[in-house]
Structure formats: structure tokens, C-alpha cells
Amino acid sequence: MIPYLSIRNNFMRKSNEKPLKAAIEEFLETFHLRDKLSQAKVIQSWEKVVGEMVARNTSQLHIRNKVLYVKVNSAALRNELLFARTKIMNTLNKEAGSIVIEDIVLN
């Protein structure tokens, strides 16, 4: 390409054009989706954090008011998870990149 044309094309950009990253960030902020995206990251990270065996014996994960609710199939497993609750919560927040949950309720 001729250098003159590439410079000219940069000056002819419309003022409302922006990089894709900036557009996505603006979209997430405008529609308040950043929290939902972070919550999805936490739920998606569950198996990675607790392991496959625990993930198979838990279900119905959902987050409401910064509390992760988890249904546990076994009373023994529930007790084990209660002891590790703080560590699990911190690891899930680390995976999400922000403080998404402040407590875990095991049913």
C-alpha cells in the first residue's frame, strides 16, 4: 500500500469508531452484564476448583446476592466442603478475577 493512502485512511475514520475491546467493555457496562459474566466464570470454574468427584456430587449451582448456593448429594461431602468453604470461595474468586462471591451455602 502507498504510505500516503494509509495515512489518509487513518484520518478518514469516523469519530464514532473505536477498538473492539473498548466497544465490548462499553457494552458490558451499559447493559450491566459484567457481574453476570463474572458469576458465569465462577460457576464454570467449579469443577476445576473442587475436582471432578466433588463436581459430580454437587448440582444446582447459582449465585444470588454474592452468595453461591450449591446442592450437595452427600452429607459427608457437605461436611468436608464446609471445612474447605473459605478456601474454595477464595479460589473461585481468584479464577473469576474479582470478588464475585462472599459466602457459600451448601444444601
Foldseek 3Di string as FASTA:
>chain_A
DDPVVVVVVVVPDDPPDDDPVVVVVVVCVVVVCLLVLLQVQLVVCLCVLPHDVQVVQKDDWDDDPQETEIEGNDPVVVVVCVVCFVVSQVVSCVSSVHSNHDGYHYD
